[in-house]
N, C-alpha and C. Protein backbone atom coordinates (compact mmCIF):
# COMPACT_ATOMS: atom_id res chain seq x y z
N MET A 1 -109.19 -62.63 78.18
CA MET A 1 -110.32 -62.25 77.38
C MET A 1 -111.22 -61.35 78.19
N SER A 2 -111.87 -60.44 77.53
CA SER A 2 -112.80 -59.53 78.17
C SER A 2 -114.13 -60.24 78.37
N ILE A 3 -114.48 -60.45 79.62
CA ILE A 3 -115.79 -61.06 79.91
C ILE A 3 -116.89 -60.14 79.42
N ARG A 4 -116.66 -58.86 79.61
CA ARG A 4 -117.64 -57.85 79.18
C ARG A 4 -117.99 -58.03 77.71
N HIS A 5 -116.98 -58.10 76.85
CA HIS A 5 -117.22 -58.23 75.42
C HIS A 5 -117.70 -59.63 75.06
N GLY A 6 -117.24 -60.63 75.80
CA GLY A 6 -117.75 -61.98 75.57
C GLY A 6 -119.25 -62.05 75.79
N LEU A 7 -119.73 -61.43 76.88
CA LEU A 7 -121.17 -61.44 77.16
C LEU A 7 -121.94 -60.63 76.13
N LEU A 8 -121.38 -59.50 75.71
CA LEU A 8 -122.04 -58.72 74.67
C LEU A 8 -122.16 -59.52 73.37
N ALA A 9 -121.10 -60.24 73.01
CA ALA A 9 -121.13 -61.05 71.79
C ALA A 9 -122.20 -62.14 71.89
N LEU A 10 -122.33 -62.74 73.06
CA LEU A 10 -123.35 -63.77 73.25
C LEU A 10 -124.75 -63.17 73.20
N LEU A 11 -124.93 -62.00 73.77
CA LEU A 11 -126.25 -61.35 73.74
C LEU A 11 -126.61 -60.87 72.34
N GLU A 12 -125.62 -60.67 71.50
CA GLU A 12 -125.90 -60.32 70.10
C GLU A 12 -126.64 -61.46 69.40
N ARG A 13 -126.46 -62.68 69.88
CA ARG A 13 -127.17 -63.85 69.34
C ARG A 13 -128.65 -63.81 69.71
N GLY A 14 -128.95 -63.21 70.86
CA GLY A 14 -130.33 -63.15 71.34
C GLY A 14 -130.36 -62.99 72.84
N GLN A 15 -131.56 -62.80 73.37
CA GLN A 15 -131.74 -62.61 74.81
C GLN A 15 -131.31 -63.85 75.58
N MET A 16 -130.64 -63.62 76.72
CA MET A 16 -130.22 -64.73 77.59
C MET A 16 -130.18 -64.24 79.02
N TYR A 17 -130.36 -65.17 79.95
CA TYR A 17 -130.16 -64.85 81.36
C TYR A 17 -128.80 -65.38 81.79
N GLY A 18 -128.41 -65.09 83.01
CA GLY A 18 -127.05 -65.35 83.48
C GLY A 18 -126.53 -66.76 83.27
N TYR A 19 -127.30 -67.77 83.67
CA TYR A 19 -126.81 -69.14 83.54
C TYR A 19 -126.69 -69.55 82.07
N GLN A 20 -127.59 -69.04 81.22
CA GLN A 20 -127.46 -69.31 79.78
C GLN A 20 -126.19 -68.68 79.22
N LEU A 21 -125.90 -67.46 79.67
CA LEU A 21 -124.68 -66.78 79.21
C LEU A 21 -123.44 -67.55 79.64
N ARG A 22 -123.43 -68.01 80.87
CA ARG A 22 -122.28 -68.78 81.36
C ARG A 22 -122.10 -70.05 80.53
N ALA A 23 -123.19 -70.79 80.30
CA ALA A 23 -123.11 -72.03 79.53
C ALA A 23 -122.67 -71.76 78.09
N ALA A 24 -123.19 -70.70 77.48
CA ALA A 24 -122.82 -70.37 76.10
C ALA A 24 -121.36 -69.93 76.02
N PHE A 25 -120.90 -69.20 77.02
CA PHE A 25 -119.50 -68.76 77.06
C PHE A 25 -118.58 -69.97 77.13
N GLU A 26 -118.89 -70.87 78.05
CA GLU A 26 -118.04 -72.05 78.21
C GLU A 26 -118.11 -72.96 76.99
N GLU A 27 -119.26 -73.05 76.37
CA GLU A 27 -119.37 -73.86 75.15
C GLU A 27 -118.55 -73.24 74.02
N SER A 28 -118.60 -71.91 73.91
CA SER A 28 -117.86 -71.22 72.85
C SER A 28 -116.35 -71.35 73.02
N THR A 29 -115.90 -71.41 74.26
CA THR A 29 -114.46 -71.49 74.51
C THR A 29 -114.02 -72.90 74.89
N GLY A 30 -114.92 -73.86 74.80
CA GLY A 30 -114.58 -75.24 75.15
C GLY A 30 -114.22 -75.38 76.61
N SER A 31 -114.80 -74.55 77.46
CA SER A 31 -114.54 -74.54 78.91
C SER A 31 -113.07 -74.28 79.23
N THR A 32 -112.37 -73.67 78.28
CA THR A 32 -110.96 -73.34 78.49
C THR A 32 -110.82 -72.29 79.58
N TRP A 33 -111.75 -71.35 79.60
CA TRP A 33 -111.77 -70.31 80.62
C TRP A 33 -113.07 -70.43 81.39
N PRO A 34 -113.06 -71.21 82.48
CA PRO A 34 -114.29 -71.35 83.25
C PRO A 34 -114.75 -69.98 83.76
N LEU A 35 -116.03 -69.79 83.72
CA LEU A 35 -116.61 -68.51 84.11
C LEU A 35 -117.47 -68.71 85.34
N ASN A 36 -117.17 -68.01 86.39
CA ASN A 36 -117.93 -68.07 87.63
C ASN A 36 -119.25 -67.31 87.42
N ILE A 37 -120.35 -67.87 87.89
CA ILE A 37 -121.65 -67.22 87.69
C ILE A 37 -121.68 -65.85 88.35
N GLY A 38 -120.94 -65.68 89.44
CA GLY A 38 -120.85 -64.36 90.07
C GLY A 38 -120.23 -63.33 89.14
N GLN A 39 -119.22 -63.74 88.36
CA GLN A 39 -118.60 -62.85 87.37
C GLN A 39 -119.62 -62.44 86.33
N VAL A 40 -120.47 -63.39 85.93
CA VAL A 40 -121.48 -63.09 84.91
C VAL A 40 -122.42 -61.99 85.42
N TYR A 41 -122.97 -62.18 86.62
CA TYR A 41 -123.94 -61.22 87.12
C TYR A 41 -123.30 -59.88 87.48
N THR A 42 -122.08 -59.89 87.97
CA THR A 42 -121.38 -58.63 88.25
C THR A 42 -121.15 -57.88 86.94
N THR A 43 -120.73 -58.60 85.91
CA THR A 43 -120.48 -57.97 84.61
C THR A 43 -121.78 -57.47 84.00
N LEU A 44 -122.86 -58.25 84.11
CA LEU A 44 -124.16 -57.79 83.60
C LEU A 44 -124.60 -56.50 84.29
N SER A 45 -124.37 -56.41 85.60
CA SER A 45 -124.73 -55.19 86.34
C SER A 45 -123.96 -53.99 85.80
N ARG A 46 -122.68 -54.17 85.54
CA ARG A 46 -121.87 -53.08 85.00
C ARG A 46 -122.31 -52.71 83.58
N LEU A 47 -122.60 -53.74 82.78
CA LEU A 47 -123.07 -53.48 81.42
C LEU A 47 -124.39 -52.71 81.44
N GLU A 48 -125.27 -53.08 82.37
CA GLU A 48 -126.54 -52.36 82.51
C GLU A 48 -126.29 -50.93 82.95
N ARG A 49 -125.43 -50.74 83.94
CA ARG A 49 -125.09 -49.40 84.43
C ARG A 49 -124.55 -48.52 83.30
N ASP A 50 -123.75 -49.14 82.39
CA ASP A 50 -123.15 -48.40 81.29
C ASP A 50 -124.06 -48.27 80.08
N GLY A 51 -125.28 -48.81 80.18
CA GLY A 51 -126.24 -48.69 79.09
C GLY A 51 -125.98 -49.60 77.91
N LEU A 52 -125.20 -50.67 78.12
CA LEU A 52 -124.85 -51.58 77.02
C LEU A 52 -125.78 -52.78 76.92
N VAL A 53 -126.47 -53.09 78.02
CA VAL A 53 -127.51 -54.13 78.02
C VAL A 53 -128.70 -53.60 78.81
N ARG A 54 -129.85 -54.23 78.62
CA ARG A 54 -131.01 -53.88 79.44
C ARG A 54 -131.67 -55.17 79.91
N PRO A 55 -132.11 -55.16 81.17
CA PRO A 55 -132.81 -56.34 81.68
C PRO A 55 -134.24 -56.36 81.14
N LEU A 56 -134.76 -57.53 80.96
CA LEU A 56 -136.14 -57.71 80.52
C LEU A 56 -136.94 -58.26 81.69
N PRO A 57 -138.26 -58.28 81.59
CA PRO A 57 -139.06 -58.85 82.68
C PRO A 57 -138.71 -60.32 82.91
N GLU A 58 -138.85 -60.75 84.14
CA GLU A 58 -138.59 -62.15 84.48
C GLU A 58 -139.49 -63.06 83.66
N ASN A 59 -138.96 -64.21 83.28
CA ASN A 59 -139.76 -65.20 82.55
C ASN A 59 -140.51 -66.07 83.55
N ASP A 60 -141.25 -67.04 83.06
CA ASP A 60 -142.06 -67.91 83.93
C ASP A 60 -141.21 -68.69 84.92
N GLY A 61 -139.96 -68.96 84.56
CA GLY A 61 -139.06 -69.71 85.45
C GLY A 61 -138.39 -68.83 86.49
N GLY A 62 -138.67 -67.53 86.49
CA GLY A 62 -138.08 -66.61 87.46
C GLY A 62 -136.73 -66.05 87.03
N GLN A 63 -136.27 -66.38 85.82
CA GLN A 63 -134.98 -65.84 85.35
C GLN A 63 -135.23 -64.51 84.64
N ARG A 64 -134.28 -63.61 84.80
CA ARG A 64 -134.36 -62.31 84.15
C ARG A 64 -133.41 -62.30 82.96
N PRO A 65 -133.94 -62.35 81.75
CA PRO A 65 -133.06 -62.28 80.58
C PRO A 65 -132.59 -60.84 80.33
N TYR A 66 -131.49 -60.75 79.60
CA TYR A 66 -130.94 -59.46 79.21
C TYR A 66 -130.87 -59.42 77.70
N GLU A 67 -130.87 -58.19 77.18
CA GLU A 67 -130.65 -58.01 75.74
C GLU A 67 -129.64 -56.90 75.54
N ILE A 68 -128.95 -56.95 74.42
CA ILE A 68 -127.95 -55.94 74.10
C ILE A 68 -128.66 -54.70 73.58
N THR A 69 -128.11 -53.53 73.89
CA THR A 69 -128.67 -52.27 73.40
C THR A 69 -127.89 -51.83 72.16
N ASP A 70 -128.35 -50.75 71.52
CA ASP A 70 -127.61 -50.21 70.38
C ASP A 70 -126.22 -49.75 70.81
N ALA A 71 -126.12 -49.16 72.00
CA ALA A 71 -124.81 -48.74 72.51
C ALA A 71 -123.92 -49.97 72.73
N GLY A 72 -124.51 -51.06 73.20
CA GLY A 72 -123.77 -52.31 73.38
C GLY A 72 -123.27 -52.86 72.05
N ARG A 73 -124.11 -52.78 71.03
CA ARG A 73 -123.69 -53.25 69.69
C ARG A 73 -122.52 -52.42 69.16
N ALA A 74 -122.59 -51.11 69.39
CA ALA A 74 -121.50 -50.23 68.94
C ALA A 74 -120.20 -50.55 69.68
N ASP A 75 -120.31 -50.78 71.00
CA ASP A 75 -119.13 -51.13 71.80
C ASP A 75 -118.55 -52.47 71.33
N LEU A 76 -119.41 -53.42 71.06
CA LEU A 76 -118.97 -54.74 70.59
C LEU A 76 -118.30 -54.64 69.22
N ALA A 77 -118.89 -53.85 68.32
CA ALA A 77 -118.31 -53.67 66.98
C ALA A 77 -116.92 -53.04 67.08
N LEU A 78 -116.78 -52.06 67.98
CA LEU A 78 -115.47 -51.43 68.18
C LEU A 78 -114.46 -52.43 68.72
N TRP A 79 -114.87 -53.29 69.65
CA TRP A 79 -113.98 -54.31 70.21
C TRP A 79 -113.50 -55.27 69.12
N PHE A 80 -114.44 -55.73 68.27
CA PHE A 80 -114.05 -56.64 67.20
C PHE A 80 -113.12 -55.96 66.19
N ALA A 81 -113.27 -54.65 66.01
CA ALA A 81 -112.47 -53.93 65.02
C ALA A 81 -111.11 -53.49 65.56
N THR A 82 -110.90 -53.58 66.88
CA THR A 82 -109.67 -53.11 67.50
C THR A 82 -108.73 -54.28 67.79
N PRO A 83 -107.49 -54.22 67.28
CA PRO A 83 -106.55 -55.32 67.58
C PRO A 83 -106.20 -55.35 69.07
N ILE A 84 -105.88 -56.54 69.54
CA ILE A 84 -105.44 -56.70 70.93
C ILE A 84 -104.02 -56.19 71.04
N SER A 85 -103.77 -55.32 72.00
CA SER A 85 -102.44 -54.77 72.21
C SER A 85 -101.65 -55.72 73.11
N HIS A 86 -100.39 -55.92 72.79
CA HIS A 86 -99.56 -56.78 73.64
C HIS A 86 -99.41 -56.20 75.03
N ALA A 87 -99.53 -54.88 75.15
CA ALA A 87 -99.44 -54.26 76.47
C ALA A 87 -100.66 -54.60 77.32
N ASP A 88 -101.76 -55.02 76.68
CA ASP A 88 -102.98 -55.36 77.41
C ASP A 88 -102.92 -56.76 78.01
N ARG A 89 -101.93 -57.53 77.64
CA ARG A 89 -101.86 -58.91 78.11
C ARG A 89 -101.21 -58.96 79.48
N PRO A 90 -101.55 -59.99 80.25
CA PRO A 90 -100.95 -60.10 81.58
C PRO A 90 -99.45 -60.39 81.50
N ARG A 91 -98.78 -60.14 82.62
CA ARG A 91 -97.34 -60.44 82.68
C ARG A 91 -97.10 -61.92 82.44
N ASP A 92 -95.97 -62.22 81.86
CA ASP A 92 -95.61 -63.61 81.59
C ASP A 92 -94.86 -64.16 82.80
N GLU A 93 -95.56 -64.94 83.60
CA GLU A 93 -94.98 -65.45 84.85
C GLU A 93 -93.75 -66.32 84.60
N LEU A 94 -93.76 -67.10 83.53
CA LEU A 94 -92.63 -67.98 83.25
C LEU A 94 -91.35 -67.19 82.98
N SER A 95 -91.43 -66.16 82.15
CA SER A 95 -90.22 -65.39 81.85
C SER A 95 -89.72 -64.67 83.10
N ILE A 96 -90.64 -64.19 83.93
CA ILE A 96 -90.23 -63.55 85.19
C ILE A 96 -89.57 -64.58 86.11
N LYS A 97 -90.17 -65.77 86.17
CA LYS A 97 -89.62 -66.84 87.01
C LYS A 97 -88.19 -67.20 86.60
N LEU A 98 -87.95 -67.35 85.29
CA LEU A 98 -86.60 -67.70 84.83
C LEU A 98 -85.61 -66.56 85.05
N ALA A 99 -86.05 -65.33 84.83
CA ALA A 99 -85.16 -64.20 85.07
C ALA A 99 -84.74 -64.14 86.54
N LEU A 100 -85.67 -64.39 87.43
CA LEU A 100 -85.34 -64.38 88.85
C LEU A 100 -84.52 -65.61 89.24
N ALA A 101 -84.79 -66.74 88.61
CA ALA A 101 -84.02 -67.95 88.91
C ALA A 101 -82.54 -67.75 88.59
N LEU A 102 -82.26 -67.00 87.53
CA LEU A 102 -80.87 -66.74 87.15
C LEU A 102 -80.11 -65.96 88.21
N THR A 103 -80.82 -65.14 88.95
CA THR A 103 -80.15 -64.26 89.91
C THR A 103 -80.37 -64.66 91.36
N THR A 104 -81.03 -65.79 91.56
CA THR A 104 -81.28 -66.26 92.93
C THR A 104 -80.29 -67.37 93.26
N PRO A 105 -79.48 -67.18 94.29
CA PRO A 105 -78.49 -68.21 94.65
C PRO A 105 -79.17 -69.54 94.97
N GLY A 106 -78.54 -70.61 94.52
CA GLY A 106 -79.00 -71.95 94.85
C GLY A 106 -80.09 -72.51 93.96
N VAL A 107 -80.54 -71.76 92.95
CA VAL A 107 -81.59 -72.25 92.06
C VAL A 107 -80.94 -72.90 90.84
N ASP A 108 -81.35 -74.13 90.55
CA ASP A 108 -80.86 -74.83 89.36
C ASP A 108 -81.76 -74.42 88.19
N VAL A 109 -81.31 -73.43 87.43
CA VAL A 109 -82.12 -72.86 86.36
C VAL A 109 -82.41 -73.91 85.29
N ARG A 110 -81.44 -74.76 85.01
CA ARG A 110 -81.67 -75.81 84.00
C ARG A 110 -82.80 -76.75 84.44
N ALA A 111 -82.87 -77.04 85.72
CA ALA A 111 -83.94 -77.90 86.23
C ALA A 111 -85.29 -77.19 86.11
N VAL A 112 -85.30 -75.88 86.36
CA VAL A 112 -86.54 -75.11 86.21
C VAL A 112 -87.01 -75.18 84.75
N VAL A 113 -86.08 -75.01 83.82
CA VAL A 113 -86.42 -75.08 82.39
C VAL A 113 -86.93 -76.47 82.03
N GLN A 114 -86.25 -77.51 82.49
CA GLN A 114 -86.66 -78.88 82.16
C GLN A 114 -88.02 -79.23 82.76
N THR A 115 -88.28 -78.80 83.98
CA THR A 115 -89.57 -79.06 84.61
C THR A 115 -90.68 -78.39 83.82
N GLN A 116 -90.44 -77.15 83.40
CA GLN A 116 -91.45 -76.44 82.61
C GLN A 116 -91.64 -77.09 81.25
N ARG A 117 -90.54 -77.49 80.63
CA ARG A 117 -90.63 -78.14 79.31
C ARG A 117 -91.48 -79.41 79.40
N SER A 118 -91.26 -80.21 80.43
CA SER A 118 -92.02 -81.45 80.61
C SER A 118 -93.51 -81.16 80.78
N ALA A 119 -93.83 -80.17 81.59
CA ALA A 119 -95.23 -79.82 81.82
C ALA A 119 -95.87 -79.29 80.54
N THR A 120 -95.14 -78.47 79.80
CA THR A 120 -95.68 -77.90 78.56
C THR A 120 -95.86 -78.99 77.50
N MET A 121 -94.94 -79.94 77.44
CA MET A 121 -95.08 -81.06 76.49
C MET A 121 -96.32 -81.89 76.82
N ARG A 122 -96.55 -82.16 78.10
CA ARG A 122 -97.75 -82.91 78.49
C ARG A 122 -99.01 -82.14 78.10
N ALA A 123 -99.00 -80.85 78.34
CA ALA A 123 -100.16 -80.02 77.98
C ALA A 123 -100.36 -80.02 76.47
N LEU A 124 -99.28 -79.92 75.72
CA LEU A 124 -99.36 -79.93 74.26
C LEU A 124 -99.94 -81.24 73.75
N GLN A 125 -99.52 -82.35 74.32
CA GLN A 125 -100.06 -83.66 73.93
C GLN A 125 -101.56 -83.75 74.21
N GLU A 126 -101.98 -83.25 75.37
CA GLU A 126 -103.40 -83.28 75.73
C GLU A 126 -104.22 -82.38 74.81
N LEU A 127 -103.71 -81.20 74.51
CA LEU A 127 -104.41 -80.29 73.62
C LEU A 127 -104.54 -80.88 72.22
N THR A 128 -103.49 -81.51 71.76
CA THR A 128 -103.53 -82.14 70.43
C THR A 128 -104.53 -83.29 70.41
N ARG A 129 -104.57 -84.07 71.49
CA ARG A 129 -105.56 -85.15 71.58
C ARG A 129 -106.98 -84.59 71.52
N LEU A 130 -107.22 -83.53 72.26
CA LEU A 130 -108.55 -82.91 72.26
C LEU A 130 -108.92 -82.37 70.88
N LYS A 131 -107.94 -81.80 70.21
CA LYS A 131 -108.20 -81.22 68.89
C LYS A 131 -108.71 -82.28 67.91
N TYR A 132 -108.12 -83.46 67.95
CA TYR A 132 -108.49 -84.49 66.99
C TYR A 132 -109.64 -85.37 67.48
N ALA A 133 -110.16 -85.08 68.67
CA ALA A 133 -111.28 -85.88 69.20
C ALA A 133 -112.60 -85.53 68.51
N SER A 134 -112.68 -84.36 67.92
CA SER A 134 -113.94 -83.96 67.28
C SER A 134 -113.65 -83.15 66.03
N ASP A 135 -114.38 -83.44 64.98
CA ASP A 135 -114.22 -82.67 63.76
C ASP A 135 -115.57 -82.21 63.20
N LYS A 136 -116.57 -82.08 64.09
CA LYS A 136 -117.88 -81.61 63.66
C LYS A 136 -117.78 -80.12 63.34
N PRO A 137 -118.50 -79.67 62.32
CA PRO A 137 -118.46 -78.24 61.95
C PRO A 137 -118.81 -77.31 63.10
N GLU A 138 -119.74 -77.70 63.95
CA GLU A 138 -120.14 -76.82 65.06
C GLU A 138 -119.05 -76.71 66.13
N ASP A 139 -118.01 -77.53 66.05
CA ASP A 139 -116.90 -77.46 67.00
C ASP A 139 -115.80 -76.50 66.56
N LEU A 140 -115.99 -75.82 65.44
CA LEU A 140 -114.94 -74.93 64.94
C LEU A 140 -114.50 -73.88 65.96
N PRO A 141 -115.41 -73.18 66.66
CA PRO A 141 -114.92 -72.20 67.65
C PRO A 141 -114.00 -72.84 68.69
N TRP A 142 -114.37 -74.01 69.18
CA TRP A 142 -113.57 -74.74 70.18
C TRP A 142 -112.23 -75.14 69.58
N ARG A 143 -112.23 -75.62 68.34
CA ARG A 143 -110.97 -76.04 67.70
C ARG A 143 -110.04 -74.84 67.49
N LEU A 144 -110.61 -73.68 67.18
CA LEU A 144 -109.76 -72.48 67.02
C LEU A 144 -109.12 -72.09 68.35
N VAL A 145 -109.87 -72.20 69.44
CA VAL A 145 -109.31 -71.93 70.77
C VAL A 145 -108.18 -72.94 71.05
N LEU A 146 -108.44 -74.21 70.75
CA LEU A 146 -107.41 -75.24 70.95
C LEU A 146 -106.18 -74.95 70.10
N ASP A 147 -106.38 -74.56 68.84
CA ASP A 147 -105.25 -74.23 67.98
C ASP A 147 -104.40 -73.12 68.59
N ALA A 148 -105.06 -72.08 69.11
CA ALA A 148 -104.31 -70.98 69.74
C ALA A 148 -103.50 -71.50 70.92
N MET A 149 -104.10 -72.36 71.72
CA MET A 149 -103.39 -72.91 72.88
C MET A 149 -102.24 -73.82 72.45
N ILE A 150 -102.44 -74.58 71.39
CA ILE A 150 -101.38 -75.45 70.85
C ILE A 150 -100.22 -74.60 70.35
N PHE A 151 -100.53 -73.54 69.59
CA PHE A 151 -99.46 -72.66 69.08
C PHE A 151 -98.70 -71.99 70.22
N GLN A 152 -99.42 -71.60 71.27
CA GLN A 152 -98.76 -70.97 72.42
C GLN A 152 -97.84 -71.97 73.12
N ALA A 153 -98.30 -73.21 73.26
CA ALA A 153 -97.46 -74.24 73.89
C ALA A 153 -96.22 -74.52 73.04
N GLU A 154 -96.41 -74.61 71.72
CA GLU A 154 -95.27 -74.83 70.83
C GLU A 154 -94.27 -73.68 70.91
N ALA A 155 -94.80 -72.46 70.96
CA ALA A 155 -93.91 -71.29 71.08
C ALA A 155 -93.17 -71.31 72.41
N GLU A 156 -93.85 -71.73 73.47
CA GLU A 156 -93.19 -71.80 74.78
C GLU A 156 -92.06 -72.82 74.75
N ILE A 157 -92.28 -73.96 74.11
CA ILE A 157 -91.24 -74.98 74.01
C ILE A 157 -90.05 -74.45 73.21
N ARG A 158 -90.33 -73.74 72.11
CA ARG A 158 -89.22 -73.14 71.33
C ARG A 158 -88.46 -72.13 72.18
N TRP A 159 -89.18 -71.33 72.96
CA TRP A 159 -88.53 -70.35 73.81
C TRP A 159 -87.70 -71.04 74.89
N LEU A 160 -88.21 -72.13 75.46
CA LEU A 160 -87.45 -72.88 76.46
C LEU A 160 -86.18 -73.47 75.84
N ASP A 161 -86.27 -73.93 74.59
CA ASP A 161 -85.07 -74.40 73.88
C ASP A 161 -84.05 -73.27 73.78
N HIS A 162 -84.53 -72.10 73.42
CA HIS A 162 -83.65 -70.93 73.32
C HIS A 162 -83.02 -70.62 74.68
N CYS A 163 -83.82 -70.68 75.73
CA CYS A 163 -83.29 -70.43 77.09
C CYS A 163 -82.19 -71.42 77.43
N GLU A 164 -82.43 -72.67 77.10
CA GLU A 164 -81.44 -73.71 77.42
C GLU A 164 -80.14 -73.45 76.66
N THR A 165 -80.24 -73.08 75.39
CA THR A 165 -79.04 -72.77 74.60
C THR A 165 -78.32 -71.56 75.19
N SER A 166 -79.09 -70.57 75.60
CA SER A 166 -78.49 -69.37 76.19
C SER A 166 -77.80 -69.70 77.51
N LEU A 167 -78.37 -70.62 78.28
CA LEU A 167 -77.76 -71.00 79.55
C LEU A 167 -76.41 -71.68 79.35
N VAL A 168 -76.27 -72.44 78.26
CA VAL A 168 -75.00 -73.10 77.97
C VAL A 168 -73.91 -72.06 77.79
N ARG A 169 -74.26 -70.94 77.16
CA ARG A 169 -73.29 -69.88 76.88
C ARG A 169 -73.18 -68.86 78.00
N TYR A 170 -74.05 -68.93 78.98
CA TYR A 170 -74.13 -67.92 80.04
C TYR A 170 -72.95 -68.05 81.00
N ARG A 171 -72.28 -66.95 81.19
CA ARG A 171 -71.20 -66.88 82.17
C ARG A 171 -71.51 -65.70 83.08
N PRO A 172 -71.93 -65.98 84.29
CA PRO A 172 -72.25 -64.86 85.18
C PRO A 172 -71.04 -63.98 85.43
N ALA A 173 -71.30 -62.71 85.58
CA ALA A 173 -70.21 -61.77 85.87
C ALA A 173 -69.58 -62.16 87.19
N PRO A 174 -68.25 -62.12 87.24
CA PRO A 174 -67.60 -62.49 88.51
C PRO A 174 -68.05 -61.52 89.60
N SER A 175 -68.35 -62.08 90.74
CA SER A 175 -68.77 -61.22 91.84
C SER A 175 -67.55 -60.53 92.40
N ARG A 176 -67.76 -59.30 92.76
CA ARG A 176 -66.64 -58.54 93.33
C ARG A 176 -66.39 -59.04 94.74
N PRO A 177 -65.14 -59.23 95.07
CA PRO A 177 -64.86 -59.70 96.43
C PRO A 177 -65.32 -58.65 97.43
N SER A 178 -65.93 -59.10 98.47
CA SER A 178 -66.37 -58.16 99.49
C SER A 178 -65.21 -57.88 100.43
N LEU A 179 -65.25 -56.72 100.98
CA LEU A 179 -64.21 -56.35 101.93
C LEU A 179 -64.45 -57.08 103.24
N SER A 180 -63.40 -57.51 103.85
CA SER A 180 -63.55 -58.14 105.16
C SER A 180 -63.92 -57.06 106.17
N ALA A 181 -64.44 -57.48 107.29
CA ALA A 181 -64.81 -56.53 108.34
C ALA A 181 -63.59 -55.74 108.78
N GLU A 182 -62.42 -56.41 108.84
CA GLU A 182 -61.18 -55.72 109.22
C GLU A 182 -60.84 -54.62 108.25
N ALA A 183 -60.94 -54.92 106.96
CA ALA A 183 -60.59 -53.94 105.94
C ALA A 183 -61.53 -52.74 106.01
N VAL A 184 -62.82 -52.99 106.27
CA VAL A 184 -63.79 -51.90 106.39
C VAL A 184 -63.44 -51.03 107.59
N ASP A 185 -63.10 -51.67 108.72
CA ASP A 185 -62.73 -50.90 109.92
C ASP A 185 -61.49 -50.04 109.66
N ARG A 186 -60.48 -50.61 108.97
CA ARG A 186 -59.27 -49.85 108.66
C ARG A 186 -59.58 -48.67 107.76
N ALA A 187 -60.44 -48.89 106.77
CA ALA A 187 -60.79 -47.80 105.85
C ALA A 187 -61.54 -46.71 106.61
N ASP A 188 -62.42 -47.10 107.55
CA ASP A 188 -63.14 -46.11 108.35
C ASP A 188 -62.16 -45.29 109.20
N GLU A 189 -61.19 -45.99 109.80
CA GLU A 189 -60.19 -45.31 110.64
C GLU A 189 -59.39 -44.30 109.83
N GLU A 190 -58.97 -44.72 108.65
CA GLU A 190 -58.17 -43.84 107.79
C GLU A 190 -59.00 -42.65 107.34
N ALA A 191 -60.27 -42.85 107.12
CA ALA A 191 -61.12 -41.75 106.66
C ALA A 191 -61.34 -40.73 107.77
N ARG A 192 -61.32 -41.19 109.03
CA ARG A 192 -61.51 -40.27 110.16
C ARG A 192 -60.27 -39.43 110.44
N ARG A 193 -59.10 -39.86 109.99
CA ARG A 193 -57.83 -39.16 110.28
C ARG A 193 -57.70 -37.95 109.47
């Protein structure tokens, strides 16, 4: 998720200072993505530099609130109107791990799949428990985040099932026999003649 746009969306609600933004971000996402306060202030500095937010005078408590500018509102509206591109998402470490496990000698790929399946099932159970722990209307943003995580876990389990089925049918290409050192020496000798 874009911290930049997350902070702009929160500032659209009203003026806030850094710690308020962090708390509101974590509340909105159910603390699924913990936000470091340093990230908040670094992002606010960049948003200010880009003219998307402006700092206000310090309040009585010594905190400096920020507010969104018209340029910030336009940037936020564009973000909400633009679909997320799959190319913008981070690499999928699990698929890379399994692809490498297939080609790394001595790795039990089925064990890698089973270990991941067990971990994903435990996560899915915990997410489902959390989802049904609260049904208050104000928890809807958190429940939507949980639903996305549940669907991702379910999809991962289906993909792991597919991997396991593919492994049953997988027959690695026979490795070509390597030439012995003697054979290489003979070939070199013949080539020199």
